[in-house]
Amino acid sequence: MCRINSILPEACTRFYAIWCITWGLLIGCGYSLLLILDLSSPKAKLDLLERILSIAYALMGLSYGLAGAFMFLGMHYDKPTLFKCGKLLSSIFAIATFPVIFISVVHCSSMRCMCQYMKERWNKG
């Protein structure tokens, strides 16, 4: 994504922060809704392992959204520590959802932009 010279690292990094917020909220809220619907039905359809996995994915999804918010706020308020926390938190979700190829591809292509952005803005990488 940032291998094209016409795309600025800041624009690529901002896109990835919004990407994390969007997908994190969709996945986190989706799995949370699945759990709520299952628990509110008279006969539970999910067994114990499926519930545990749903809870894990809901928490990871919400943490991915939080990672995007940290990156976005770190960019907006010029806080490199907050940005780096978001960057590391987003890596956890990308590793955990490795079989979902498109999330990993976007993550890997955006990491290069984020490192370049950090070097240009805060002289850190």
Protein backbone atom coordinates (compact mmCIF):
# COMPACT_ATOMS: atom_id res chain seq x y z
CA MET A 1 0.00 0.00 0.00
CA CYS A 2 2.73 2.52 0.88
CA ARG A 3 5.10 1.23 -1.76
CA ILE A 4 3.50 3.70 -4.15
CA ASN A 5 5.34 7.01 -3.98
CA SER A 6 2.14 9.05 -4.29
CA ILE A 7 0.75 7.77 -0.96
CA LEU A 8 2.02 9.59 2.11
CA PRO A 9 2.87 7.52 5.20
CA GLU A 10 0.53 9.73 7.24
CA ALA A 11 -2.43 8.95 4.98
CA CYS A 12 -1.63 5.24 5.03
CA THR A 13 -1.29 5.26 8.82
CA ARG A 14 -4.54 7.17 9.26
CA PHE A 15 -6.27 4.65 6.98
CA TYR A 16 -4.96 1.77 9.07
CA ALA A 17 -6.14 3.39 12.31
CA ILE A 18 -9.64 3.79 10.86
CA TRP A 19 -9.42 0.23 9.49
CA CYS A 20 -8.66 -1.09 12.99
CA ILE A 21 -11.49 0.87 14.57
CA THR A 22 -14.00 -0.28 11.96
CA TRP A 23 -13.08 -3.97 11.87
CA GLY A 24 -12.53 -4.11 15.61
CA LEU A 25 -15.98 -2.76 16.35
CA LEU A 26 -17.62 -4.99 13.74
CA ILE A 27 -15.94 -8.15 15.00
CA GLY A 28 -16.17 -7.29 18.68
CA CYS A 29 -19.80 -6.21 18.57
CA GLY A 30 -20.73 -9.07 16.25
CA TYR A 31 -19.38 -11.76 18.55
CA SER A 32 -20.81 -9.97 21.57
CA LEU A 33 -24.22 -9.93 19.93
CA LEU A 34 -23.88 -13.62 19.09
CA LEU A 35 -23.17 -14.38 22.75
CA ILE A 36 -26.05 -12.22 24.00
CA LEU A 37 -28.49 -13.87 21.60
CA ASP A 38 -27.30 -17.32 22.59
CA LEU A 39 -27.57 -16.61 26.31
CA SER A 40 -31.00 -15.02 25.99
CA SER A 41 -32.52 -17.93 24.07
CA PRO A 42 -34.30 -20.60 26.14
CA LYS A 43 -32.14 -23.35 24.68
CA ALA A 44 -28.46 -22.52 24.25
CA LYS A 45 -27.10 -23.42 20.82
CA LEU A 46 -23.41 -22.89 21.50
CA ASP A 47 -21.42 -25.41 23.47
CA LEU A 48 -18.72 -24.42 25.97
CA LEU A 49 -15.83 -24.31 23.48
CA GLU A 50 -17.80 -22.16 21.03
CA ARG A 51 -18.71 -19.75 23.84
CA ILE A 52 -15.08 -19.47 24.94
CA LEU A 53 -13.96 -18.82 21.37
CA SER A 54 -16.73 -16.25 20.90
CA ILE A 55 -15.67 -14.46 24.07
CA ALA A 56 -12.03 -14.52 22.94
CA TYR A 57 -12.85 -13.13 19.49
CA ALA A 58 -15.15 -10.49 20.97
CA LEU A 59 -12.39 -9.30 23.30
CA MET A 60 -9.75 -9.40 20.57
CA GLY A 61 -12.03 -7.51 18.20
CA LEU A 62 -12.73 -4.81 20.75
CA SER A 63 -9.00 -4.58 21.52
CA TYR A 64 -8.35 -4.13 17.79
CA GLY A 65 -10.80 -1.22 17.78
CA LEU A 66 -9.06 0.18 20.84
CA ALA A 67 -5.72 -0.17 19.05
CA GLY A 68 -7.04 1.91 16.17
CA ALA A 69 -8.32 4.53 18.60
CA PHE A 70 -4.92 4.65 20.32
CA MET A 71 -3.14 5.12 16.99
CA PHE A 72 -5.60 7.79 15.87
CA LEU A 73 -5.38 9.70 19.16
CA GLY A 74 -1.59 9.35 19.20
CA MET A 75 -1.45 10.94 15.76
CA HIS A 76 -3.94 13.66 16.62
CA TYR A 77 -2.49 14.69 19.99
CA ASP A 78 1.17 14.07 19.06
CA LYS A 79 1.68 11.27 21.62
CA PRO A 80 4.21 8.71 20.34
CA THR A 81 3.72 6.38 23.34
CA LEU A 82 -0.02 6.16 22.77
CA PHE A 83 0.55 5.56 19.07
CA LYS A 84 3.06 2.81 19.75
CA CYS A 85 0.66 1.11 22.20
CA GLY A 86 -1.95 1.03 19.45
CA LYS A 87 0.57 -0.32 16.98
CA LEU A 88 1.56 -3.17 19.29
CA LEU A 89 -2.05 -3.93 20.24
CA SER A 90 -3.03 -4.17 16.59
CA SER A 91 -0.26 -6.71 16.00
CA ILE A 92 -1.81 -9.10 18.53
CA PHE A 93 -5.09 -9.22 16.62
CA ALA A 94 -3.35 -9.60 13.26
CA ILE A 95 -1.35 -12.56 14.54
CA ALA A 96 -4.39 -14.17 16.17
CA THR A 97 -6.45 -13.87 12.99
CA PHE A 98 -3.68 -15.01 10.65
CA PRO A 99 -5.93 -17.48 8.77
CA VAL A 100 -8.08 -14.50 7.70
CA ILE A 101 -5.66 -13.44 5.00
CA PHE A 102 -6.93 -9.94 4.17
CA ILE A 103 -6.46 -8.65 7.74
CA SER A 104 -2.87 -9.93 7.80
CA VAL A 105 -2.09 -8.50 4.36
CA VAL A 106 -3.39 -5.05 5.28
CA HIS A 107 -1.52 -5.23 8.60
CA CYS A 108 1.82 -6.19 7.02
CA SER A 109 1.58 -3.58 4.28
CA SER A 110 0.61 -0.89 6.77
CA MET A 111 3.41 -1.69 9.24
CA ARG A 112 5.98 -0.33 6.83
CA CYS A 113 4.04 2.93 6.58
CA MET A 114 3.64 3.20 10.34
CA CYS A 115 7.35 2.74 10.94
CA GLN A 116 8.16 5.31 8.28
CA TYR A 117 5.57 7.68 9.77
CA MET A 118 7.04 7.30 13.27
CA LYS A 119 10.55 8.00 11.98
CA GLU A 120 9.44 11.11 10.13
CA ARG A 121 7.28 12.52 12.90
CA TRP A 122 8.97 11.48 16.14
CA ASN A 123 12.33 10.13 14.93
CA LYS A 124 11.44 6.72 16.41
CA GLY A 125 10.72 3.38 14.82
